Amino acid sequence: MNELPFVTAGDGTRIAYRIDGASDRPVLMLSNSIGTDLRMWDGQIEALSRHYRVLRYDTRGHGGSGVPLGAYSLDRLGRDAIELLDALNIDRLHFLGLSLGGFIGQWLAVHAPERIDRLILSNTSSYLGPAGQWDERIASVLSATDMGETAQMFLGNWFPKSMLDAGSPIVETFRAMLLATDRQGLAGSYAAVRDADLRRTIALIERPTLVIAGQYDTVTAASHSDAIAATVPGAKLLVLPAVHLSNVEFPREFVAAVLEFLAA
């Protein structure tokens, strides 16, 4: 991947980003899941950038962004997004986040609602406890001899068995992303999810919201999306017959839903 432009967050961490689409179009910001980078959206960029100026970025700990040591917090991840927008002189935008990106989207809509026009939360949750399971994952990833076993675990949680057994090229693309991810980036992001609990505060979200769920998602179960849609006033819910990466398994349906919602 070519070197990406970046801005420097308030704590000195580099946040890498990429922009596609004409500068006179409304901005749509995309936020990635744990274990991926901004390339997880490659399959959607052509369609989305016809209508929007698409801003993608690598969450700290991933891709071209910096990998600070220690636990990350959802507050810090949210402020990374705000500081990126400030540096690019973007006042208001649509936001689409998947998994960890969806946690960040919820935080932004609660703490910086003036920056959000429409919000899309895909394959995410407002709470993924208990904390103990995340402590175990942090210890496991930091002590592993390599990222091979961790990558295989993620892929098994992200894709249906048919895609894994077929050796789909897209699966290998995501495997490469996982193997390239710094283990400290994973551990820091695990801590952010461990400590996040937005179950009550998302009732304060006032922005139009679309929640996209995967019917067979074992990471952020469809019931979690149901709970978000029931808590955020006026939120709409779409369930796709997907596992965790709905945008990859059902790209056509995913993009159609996103464009329809944003144009409403």
C-alpha atoms as a PDB file:
ATOM      1  CA  MET A   1       0.000   0.000   0.000  1.00  0.00           C
ATOM      2  CA  ASN A   2       1.339   3.417  -0.936  1.00  0.00           C
ATOM      3  CA  GLU A   3       2.224   5.703   1.933  1.00  0.00           C
ATOM      4  CA  LEU A   4      -0.850   7.553   3.114  1.00  0.00           C
ATOM      5  CA  PRO A   5      -1.137  11.179   4.206  1.00  0.00           C
ATOM      6  CA  PHE A   6      -1.624  11.598   7.936  1.00  0.00           C
ATOM      7  CA  VAL A   7      -2.447  14.059  10.663  1.00  0.00           C
ATOM      8  CA  THR A   8      -1.075  14.018  14.189  1.00  0.00           C
ATOM      9  CA  ALA A   9      -3.529  13.502  17.027  1.00  0.00           C
ATOM     10  CA  GLY A  10      -3.353  15.433  20.285  1.00  0.00           C
ATOM     11  CA  ASP A  11      -1.237  12.770  21.977  1.00  0.00           C
ATOM     12  CA  GLY A  12       1.256  12.686  19.097  1.00  0.00           C
ATOM     13  CA  THR A  13      -0.101   9.580  17.347  1.00  0.00           C
ATOM     14  CA  ARG A  14      -0.129   9.554  13.554  1.00  0.00           C
ATOM     15  CA  ILE A  15      -3.589   8.985  12.003  1.00  0.00           C
ATOM     16  CA  ALA A  16      -3.376   7.930   8.345  1.00  0.00           C
ATOM     17  CA  TYR A  17      -6.237   8.621   5.955  1.00  0.00           C
ATOM     18  CA  ARG A  18      -7.330   8.596   2.330  1.00  0.00           C
ATOM     19  CA  ILE A  19      -9.929  10.634   0.442  1.00  0.00           C
ATOM     20  CA  ASP A  20     -11.798   9.552  -2.710  1.00  0.00           C
ATOM     21  CA  GLY A  21     -14.394  11.543  -4.622  1.00  0.00           C
ATOM     22  CA  ALA A  22     -14.884  15.124  -5.735  1.00  0.00           C
ATOM     23  CA  SER A  23     -14.253  17.888  -3.204  1.00  0.00           C
ATOM     24  CA  ASP A  24     -17.658  19.521  -3.786  1.00  0.00           C
ATOM     25  CA  ARG A  25     -19.610  16.462  -2.598  1.00  0.00           C
ATOM     26  CA  PRO A  26     -20.903  15.801   0.919  1.00  0.00           C
ATOM     27  CA  VAL A  27     -18.371  13.974   3.098  1.00  0.00           C
ATOM     28  CA  LEU A  28     -18.878  10.368   4.171  1.00  0.00           C
ATOM     29  CA  MET A  29     -16.424   9.087   6.780  1.00  0.00           C
ATOM     30  CA  LEU A  30     -15.718   5.337   7.014  1.00  0.00           C
ATOM     31  CA  SER A  31     -14.291   3.696  10.144  1.00  0.00           C
ATOM     32  CA  ASN A  32     -12.761   0.219  10.154  1.00  0.00           C
ATOM     33  CA  SER A  33     -13.081  -2.823  12.382  1.00  0.00           C
ATOM     34  CA  ILE A  34     -10.436  -4.244  14.700  1.00  0.00           C
ATOM     35  CA  GLY A  35      -7.792  -6.145  12.736  1.00  0.00           C
ATOM     36  CA  THR A  36      -8.361  -4.331   9.432  1.00  0.00           C
ATOM     37  CA  ASP A  37      -7.337  -1.061   7.852  1.00  0.00           C
ATOM     38  CA  LEU A  38      -9.050   1.369   5.494  1.00  0.00           C
ATOM     39  CA  ARG A  39      -8.748  -1.166   2.659  1.00  0.00           C
ATOM     40  CA  MET A  40     -11.645  -3.089   4.191  1.00  0.00           C
ATOM     41  CA  TRP A  41     -13.849  -0.611   2.305  1.00  0.00           C
ATOM     42  CA  ASP A  42     -12.154  -1.021  -1.101  1.00  0.00           C
ATOM     43  CA  GLY A  43     -15.135  -2.843  -2.579  1.00  0.00           C
ATOM     44  CA  GLN A  44     -17.500   0.020  -1.772  1.00  0.00           C
ATOM     45  CA  ILE A  45     -15.396   3.027  -2.772  1.00  0.00           C
ATOM     46  CA  GLU A  46     -16.228   3.132  -6.463  1.00  0.00           C
ATOM     47  CA  ALA A  47     -19.976   3.286  -5.805  1.00  0.00           C
ATOM     48  CA  LEU A  48     -19.834   5.567  -2.764  1.00  0.00           C
ATOM     49  CA  SER A  49     -17.406   8.070  -4.271  1.00  0.00           C
ATOM     50  CA  ARG A  50     -19.774   8.727  -7.171  1.00  0.00           C
ATOM     51  CA  HIS A  51     -22.013  10.517  -4.685  1.00  0.00           C
ATOM     52  CA  TYR A  52     -19.765  11.452  -1.751  1.00  0.00           C
ATOM     53  CA  ARG A  53     -16.309  12.650  -0.851  1.00  0.00           C
ATOM     54  CA  VAL A  54     -15.291   9.499   0.992  1.00  0.00           C
ATOM     55  CA  LEU A  55     -12.863   9.900   3.885  1.00  0.00           C
ATOM     56  CA  ARG A  56     -11.320   6.676   5.165  1.00  0.00           C
ATOM     57  CA  TYR A  57      -8.800   6.439   7.964  1.00  0.00           C
ATOM     58  CA  ASP A  58      -6.831   3.788   9.826  1.00  0.00           C
ATOM     59  CA  THR A  59      -7.872   3.583  13.463  1.00  0.00           C
ATOM     60  CA  ARG A  60      -4.846   3.982  15.724  1.00  0.00           C
ATOM     61  CA  GLY A  61      -3.039   0.680  16.071  1.00  0.00           C
ATOM     62  CA  HIS A  62      -3.875  -0.319  12.499  1.00  0.00           C
ATOM     63  CA  GLY A  63      -2.556   0.150   8.976  1.00  0.00           C
ATOM     64  CA  GLY A  64      -0.590   3.331   8.402  1.00  0.00           C
ATOM     65  CA  SER A  65      -1.550   4.902  11.721  1.00  0.00           C
ATOM     66  CA  GLY A  66       0.655   4.943  14.801  1.00  0.00           C
ATOM     67  CA  VAL A  67       0.664   2.131  17.349  1.00  0.00           C
ATOM     68  CA  PRO A  68       1.050   3.614  20.836  1.00  0.00           C
ATOM     69  CA  LEU A  69       1.653   1.225  23.698  1.00  0.00           C
ATOM     70  CA  GLY A  70      -0.950   0.447  26.338  1.00  0.00           C
ATOM     71  CA  ALA A  71      -4.717   0.442  26.480  1.00  0.00           C
ATOM     72  CA  TYR A  72      -6.724   2.636  24.125  1.00  0.00           C
ATOM     73  CA  SER A  73     -10.032   4.200  25.140  1.00  0.00           C
ATOM     74  CA  LEU A  74     -13.178   4.849  23.148  1.00  0.00           C
ATOM     75  CA  ASP A  75     -12.877   8.501  24.154  1.00  0.00           C
ATOM     76  CA  ARG A  76      -9.405   8.664  22.566  1.00  0.00           C
ATOM     77  CA  LEU A  77     -10.576   6.876  19.420  1.00  0.00           C
ATOM     78  CA  GLY A  78     -13.457   9.309  19.108  1.00  0.00           C
ATOM     79  CA  ARG A  79     -11.173  12.285  19.556  1.00  0.00           C
ATOM     80  CA  ASP A  80      -8.857  10.883  16.879  1.00  0.00           C
ATOM     81  CA  ALA A  81     -11.760  11.143  14.437  1.00  0.00           C
ATOM     82  CA  ILE A  82     -12.644  14.674  15.542  1.00  0.00           C
ATOM     83  CA  GLU A  83      -9.035  15.857  15.318  1.00  0.00           C
ATOM     84  CA  LEU A  84      -8.758  14.363  11.823  1.00  0.00           C
ATOM     85  CA  LEU A  85     -11.867  16.276  10.770  1.00  0.00           C
ATOM     86  CA  ASP A  86     -10.539  19.475  12.333  1.00  0.00           C
ATOM     87  CA  ALA A  87      -7.225  19.122  10.505  1.00  0.00           C
ATOM     88  CA  LEU A  88      -9.054  18.636   7.200  1.00  0.00           C
ATOM     89  CA  ASN A  89     -11.450  21.552   7.893  1.00  0.00           C
ATOM     90  CA  ILE A  90     -14.510  19.292   7.746  1.00  0.00           C
ATOM     91  CA  ASP A  91     -17.286  20.570   9.989  1.00  0.00           C
ATOM     92  CA  ARG A  92     -20.079  18.076   9.339  1.00  0.00           C
ATOM     93  CA  LEU A  93     -20.389  14.728   7.638  1.00  0.00           C
ATOM     94  CA  HIS A  94     -22.119  11.383   7.372  1.00  0.00           C
ATOM     95  CA  PHE A  95     -20.468   8.566   9.344  1.00  0.00           C
ATOM     96  CA  LEU A  96     -20.373   4.828   8.648  1.00  0.00           C
ATOM     97  CA  GLY A  97     -18.556   2.531  11.059  1.00  0.00           C
ATOM     98  CA  LEU A  98     -18.384  -1.253  11.242  1.00  0.00           C
ATOM     99  CA  SER A  99     -17.701  -3.164  14.468  1.00  0.00           C
ATOM    100  CA  LEU A 100     -15.140  -1.024  16.368  1.00  0.00           C
ATOM    101  CA  GLY A 101     -15.938   1.718  13.863  1.00  0.00           C
ATOM    102  CA  GLY A 102     -19.554   1.464  14.967  1.00  0.00           C
ATOM    103  CA  PHE A 103     -18.540   1.988  18.592  1.00  0.00           C
ATOM    104  CA  ILE A 104     -16.708   5.139  17.472  1.00  0.00           C
ATOM    105  CA  GLY A 105     -19.763   6.292  15.532  1.00  0.00           C
ATOM    106  CA  GLN A 106     -21.979   5.922  18.586  1.00  0.00           C
ATOM    107  CA  TRP A 107     -19.484   7.895  20.702  1.00  0.00           C
ATOM    108  CA  LEU A 108     -19.358  10.693  18.125  1.00  0.00           C
ATOM    109  CA  ALA A 109     -23.128  10.935  17.860  1.00  0.00           C
ATOM    110  CA  VAL A 110     -23.383  11.240  21.649  1.00  0.00           C
ATOM    111  CA  HIS A 111     -20.398  13.541  22.320  1.00  0.00           C
ATOM    112  CA  ALA A 112     -20.107  15.528  19.072  1.00  0.00           C
ATOM    113  CA  PRO A 113     -23.595  15.462  17.522  1.00  0.00           C
ATOM    114  CA  GLU A 114     -22.965  18.755  15.739  1.00  0.00           C
ATOM    115  CA  ARG A 115     -20.404  16.959  13.530  1.00  0.00           C
ATOM    116  CA  ILE A 116     -22.768  14.186  12.385  1.00  0.00           C
ATOM    117  CA  ASP A 117     -25.491  14.463   9.766  1.00  0.00           C
ATOM    118  CA  ARG A 118     -26.533  10.832   9.240  1.00  0.00           C
ATOM    119  CA  LEU A 119     -25.144   7.832  11.125  1.00  0.00           C
ATOM    120  CA  ILE A 120     -24.754   4.231   9.964  1.00  0.00           C
ATOM    121  CA  LEU A 121     -23.762   1.575  12.500  1.00  0.00           C
ATOM    122  CA  SER A 122     -22.890  -1.790  10.966  1.00  0.00           C
ATOM    123  CA  ASN A 123     -22.248  -5.093  12.727  1.00  0.00           C
ATOM    124  CA  THR A 124     -21.541  -3.444  16.036  1.00  0.00           C
ATOM    125  CA  SER A 125     -22.665  -3.285  19.636  1.00  0.00           C
ATOM    126  CA  SER A 126     -23.034  -0.760  22.418  1.00  0.00           C
ATOM    127  CA  TYR A 127     -21.516  -3.192  24.943  1.00  0.00           C
ATOM    128  CA  LEU A 128     -19.444  -6.359  24.519  1.00  0.00           C
ATOM    129  CA  GLY A 129     -18.777  -7.551  28.058  1.00  0.00           C
ATOM    130  CA  PRO A 130     -17.816  -9.133  30.296  1.00  0.00           C
ATOM    131  CA  ALA A 131     -14.419  -7.508  30.747  1.00  0.00           C
ATOM    132  CA  GLY A 132     -12.668 -10.750  31.644  1.00  0.00           C
ATOM    133  CA  GLN A 133     -12.881 -12.168  28.121  1.00  0.00           C
ATOM    134  CA  TRP A 134     -11.069  -9.099  26.770  1.00  0.00           C
ATOM    135  CA  ASP A 135      -8.321  -9.377  29.372  1.00  0.00           C
ATOM    136  CA  GLU A 136      -7.803 -12.960  28.230  1.00  0.00           C
ATOM    137  CA  ARG A 137      -7.627 -11.884  24.586  1.00  0.00           C
ATOM    138  CA  ILE A 138      -5.170  -9.104  25.402  1.00  0.00           C
ATOM    139  CA  ALA A 139      -2.902 -11.528  27.241  1.00  0.00           C
ATOM    140  CA  SER A 140      -3.215 -14.094  24.456  1.00  0.00           C
ATOM    141  CA  VAL A 141      -2.364 -11.788  21.571  1.00  0.00           C
ATOM    142  CA  LEU A 142       0.564 -10.207  23.412  1.00  0.00           C
ATOM    143  CA  SER A 143       2.078 -13.597  24.312  1.00  0.00           C
ATOM    144  CA  ALA A 144       1.530 -15.328  20.951  1.00  0.00           C
ATOM    145  CA  THR A 145       4.631 -16.288  18.980  1.00  0.00           C
ATOM    146  CA  ASP A 146       3.086 -14.921  15.769  1.00  0.00           C
ATOM    147  CA  MET A 147      -0.210 -13.607  14.400  1.00  0.00           C
ATOM    148  CA  GLY A 148      -1.150 -16.788  12.529  1.00  0.00           C
ATOM    149  CA  GLU A 149      -3.527 -18.278  15.108  1.00  0.00           C
ATOM    150  CA  THR A 150      -5.061 -14.867  15.870  1.00  0.00           C
ATOM    151  CA  ALA A 151      -5.657 -14.250  12.164  1.00  0.00           C
ATOM    152  CA  GLN A 152      -7.336 -17.629  11.759  1.00  0.00           C
ATOM    153  CA  MET A 153      -9.633 -16.907  14.717  1.00  0.00           C
ATOM    154  CA  PHE A 154     -10.688 -13.584  13.224  1.00  0.00           C
ATOM    155  CA  LEU A 155     -11.323 -15.044   9.782  1.00  0.00           C
ATOM    156  CA  GLY A 156     -13.461 -17.791  11.309  1.00  0.00           C
ATOM    157  CA  ASN A 157     -15.555 -15.139  13.033  1.00  0.00           C
ATOM    158  CA  TRP A 158     -15.802 -12.869   9.987  1.00  0.00           C
ATOM    159  CA  PHE A 159     -16.668 -15.136   7.061  1.00  0.00           C
ATOM    160  CA  PRO A 160     -19.056 -18.029   6.385  1.00  0.00           C
ATOM    161  CA  LYS A 161     -17.530 -21.491   6.158  1.00  0.00           C
ATOM    162  CA  SER A 162     -18.264 -21.625   2.417  1.00  0.00           C
ATOM    163  CA  MET A 163     -15.993 -18.648   1.734  1.00  0.00           C
ATOM    164  CA  LEU A 164     -13.258 -19.997   3.988  1.00  0.00           C
ATOM    165  CA  ASP A 165     -13.346 -23.481   2.433  1.00  0.00           C
ATOM    166  CA  ALA A 166     -13.311 -22.052  -1.090  1.00  0.00           C
ATOM    167  CA  GLY A 167     -10.135 -20.080  -0.405  1.00  0.00           C
ATOM    168  CA  SER A 168     -11.812 -16.905  -1.593  1.00  0.00           C
ATOM    169  CA  PRO A 169      -9.291 -14.226  -2.645  1.00  0.00           C
ATOM    170  CA  ILE A 170     -11.085 -11.680  -0.474  1.00  0.00           C
ATOM    171  CA  VAL A 171     -10.483 -13.909   2.567  1.00  0.00           C
ATOM    172  CA  GLU A 172      -6.764 -13.930   1.770  1.00  0.00           C
ATOM    173  CA  THR A 173      -6.812 -10.133   1.452  1.00  0.00           C
ATOM    174  CA  PHE A 174      -8.180  -9.858   4.977  1.00  0.00           C
ATOM    175  CA  ARG A 175      -5.747 -12.490   6.227  1.00  0.00           C
ATOM    176  CA  ALA A 176      -2.904 -10.315   4.955  1.00  0.00           C
ATOM    177  CA  MET A 177      -4.379  -7.300   6.777  1.00  0.00           C
ATOM    178  CA  LEU A 178      -4.549  -9.275  10.009  1.00  0.00           C
ATOM    179  CA  LEU A 179      -1.020 -10.612   9.714  1.00  0.00           C
ATOM    180  CA  ALA A 180       0.243  -7.071   9.124  1.00  0.00           C
ATOM    181  CA  THR A 181      -1.533  -5.694  12.205  1.00  0.00           C
ATOM    182  CA  ASP A 182       0.702  -4.913  15.163  1.00  0.00           C
ATOM    183  CA  ARG A 183      -0.273  -7.046  18.169  1.00  0.00           C
ATOM    184  CA  GLN A 184      -0.118  -3.939  20.395  1.00  0.00           C
ATOM    185  CA  GLY A 185      -2.696  -2.306  18.126  1.00  0.00           C
ATOM    186  CA  LEU A 186      -5.018  -5.260  18.644  1.00  0.00           C
ATOM    187  CA  ALA A 187      -4.434  -5.326  22.400  1.00  0.00           C
ATOM    188  CA  GLY A 188      -5.003  -1.579  22.743  1.00  0.00           C
ATOM    189  CA  SER A 189      -8.212  -1.797  20.705  1.00  0.00           C
ATOM    190  CA  TYR A 190      -9.437  -4.789  22.714  1.00  0.00           C
ATOM    191  CA  ALA A 191      -9.081  -2.610  25.821  1.00  0.00           C
ATOM    192  CA  ALA A 192     -11.189   0.135  24.246  1.00  0.00           C
ATOM    193  CA  VAL A 193     -14.004  -2.337  23.581  1.00  0.00           C
ATOM    194  CA  ARG A 194     -13.590  -3.914  27.014  1.00  0.00           C
ATOM    195  CA  ASP A 195     -14.165  -0.596  28.758  1.00  0.00           C
ATOM    196  CA  ALA A 196     -16.945   0.735  26.512  1.00  0.00           C
ATOM    197  CA  ASP A 197     -20.561   0.721  27.639  1.00  0.00           C
ATOM    198  CA  LEU A 198     -22.896   2.898  25.583  1.00  0.00           C
ATOM    199  CA  ARG A 199     -26.115   1.035  26.323  1.00  0.00           C
ATOM    200  CA  ARG A 200     -27.741   3.965  28.130  1.00  0.00           C
ATOM    201  CA  THR A 201     -26.053   6.973  26.535  1.00  0.00           C
ATOM    202  CA  ILE A 202     -27.026   6.125  22.954  1.00  0.00           C
ATOM    203  CA  ALA A 203     -30.581   7.053  23.908  1.00  0.00           C
ATOM    204  CA  LEU A 204     -29.256  10.629  23.562  1.00  0.00           C
ATOM    205  CA  ILE A 205     -28.490  10.210  19.856  1.00  0.00           C
ATOM    206  CA  GLU A 206     -30.670  12.537  17.823  1.00  0.00           C
ATOM    207  CA  ARG A 207     -29.170  12.045  14.370  1.00  0.00           C
ATOM    208  CA  PRO A 208     -30.955   9.865  11.785  1.00  0.00           C
ATOM    209  CA  THR A 209     -29.491   6.396  12.270  1.00  0.00           C
ATOM    210  CA  LEU A 210     -29.389   3.188  10.246  1.00  0.00           C
ATOM    211  CA  VAL A 211     -28.294  -0.005  12.001  1.00  0.00           C
ATOM    212  CA  ILE A 212     -27.086  -2.873   9.797  1.00  0.00           C
ATOM    213  CA  ALA A 213     -26.883  -6.350  11.340  1.00  0.00           C
ATOM    214  CA  GLY A 214     -25.548  -9.696  10.212  1.00  0.00           C
ATOM    215  CA  GLN A 215     -28.079 -12.458  10.766  1.00  0.00           C
ATOM    216  CA  TYR A 216     -25.272 -14.965  11.463  1.00  0.00           C
ATOM    217  CA  ASP A 217     -22.842 -12.602  13.183  1.00  0.00           C
ATOM    218  CA  THR A 218     -21.087 -14.338  16.063  1.00  0.00           C
ATOM    219  CA  VAL A 219     -18.983 -11.289  17.021  1.00  0.00           C
ATOM    220  CA  THR A 220     -21.677  -8.654  17.412  1.00  0.00           C
ATOM    221  CA  ALA A 221     -24.856 -10.695  17.386  1.00  0.00           C
ATOM    222  CA  ALA A 222     -27.930  -9.438  15.568  1.00  0.00           C
ATOM    223  CA  SER A 223     -29.576  -9.037  18.979  1.00  0.00           C
ATOM    224  CA  HIS A 224     -27.036  -6.294  19.742  1.00  0.00           C
ATOM    225  CA  SER A 225     -28.163  -4.402  16.653  1.00  0.00           C
ATOM    226  CA  ASP A 226     -31.771  -4.910  17.719  1.00  0.00           C
ATOM    227  CA  ALA A 227     -30.912  -3.312  21.066  1.00  0.00           C
ATOM    228  CA  ILE A 228     -29.208  -0.327  19.442  1.00  0.00           C
ATOM    229  CA  ALA A 229     -32.105   0.237  17.046  1.00  0.00           C
ATOM    230  CA  ALA A 230     -34.555   0.009  19.945  1.00  0.00           C
ATOM    231  CA  THR A 231     -32.593   2.535  22.018  1.00  0.00           C
ATOM    232  CA  VAL A 232     -31.634   5.186  19.450  1.00  0.00           C
ATOM    233  CA  PRO A 233     -34.769   7.252  18.803  1.00  0.00           C
ATOM    234  CA  GLY A 234     -36.160   6.657  15.326  1.00  0.00           C
ATOM    235  CA  ALA A 235     -33.356   4.321  14.240  1.00  0.00           C
ATOM    236  CA  LYS A 236     -33.944   1.974  11.318  1.00  0.00           C
ATOM    237  CA  LEU A 237     -32.725  -1.637  11.310  1.00  0.00           C
ATOM    238  CA  LEU A 238     -31.596  -3.724   8.326  1.00  0.00           C
ATOM    239  CA  VAL A 239     -30.622  -7.381   8.781  1.00  0.00           C
ATOM    240  CA  LEU A 240     -28.530  -8.993   6.042  1.00  0.00           C
ATOM    241  CA  PRO A 241     -27.913 -12.775   5.877  1.00  0.00           C
ATOM    242  CA  ALA A 242     -24.241 -12.172   6.648  1.00  0.00           C
ATOM    243  CA  VAL A 243     -21.689 -13.040   9.288  1.00  0.00           C
ATOM    244  CA  HIS A 244     -19.585 -10.086  10.541  1.00  0.00           C
ATOM    245  CA  LEU A 245     -18.364  -8.234   7.442  1.00  0.00           C
ATOM    246  CA  SER A 246     -21.685  -7.413   5.812  1.00  0.00           C
ATOM    247  CA  ASN A 247     -20.034  -4.990   3.395  1.00  0.00           C
ATOM    248  CA  VAL A 248     -17.837  -7.802   2.037  1.00  0.00           C
ATOM    249  CA  GLU A 249     -20.351 -10.658   1.949  1.00  0.00           C
ATOM    250  CA  PHE A 250     -23.203  -8.614   0.480  1.00  0.00           C
ATOM    251  CA  PRO A 251     -21.527  -5.574  -1.109  1.00  0.00           C
ATOM    252  CA  ARG A 252     -24.351  -4.756  -3.518  1.00  0.00           C
ATOM    253  CA  GLU A 253     -27.087  -4.876  -0.897  1.00  0.00           C
ATOM    254  CA  PHE A 254     -24.905  -3.050   1.621  1.00  0.00           C
ATOM    255  CA  VAL A 255     -24.079  -0.150  -0.685  1.00  0.00           C
ATOM    256  CA  ALA A 256     -27.671   0.121  -1.888  1.00  0.00           C
ATOM    257  CA  ALA A 257     -28.900   0.431   1.704  1.00  0.00           C
ATOM    258  CA  VAL A 258     -26.244   2.999   2.583  1.00  0.00           C
ATOM    259  CA  LEU A 259     -26.945   5.174  -0.465  1.00  0.00           C
ATOM    260  CA  GLU A 260     -30.711   4.986   0.012  1.00  0.00           C
ATOM    261  CA  PHE A 261     -30.438   5.995   3.660  1.00  0.00           C
ATOM    262  CA  LEU A 262     -28.015   8.850   3.058  1.00  0.00           C
ATOM    263  CA  ALA A 263     -30.144  10.246   0.243  1.00  0.00           C
ATOM    264  CA  ALA A 264     -33.357  10.192   2.261  1.00  0.00           C
END
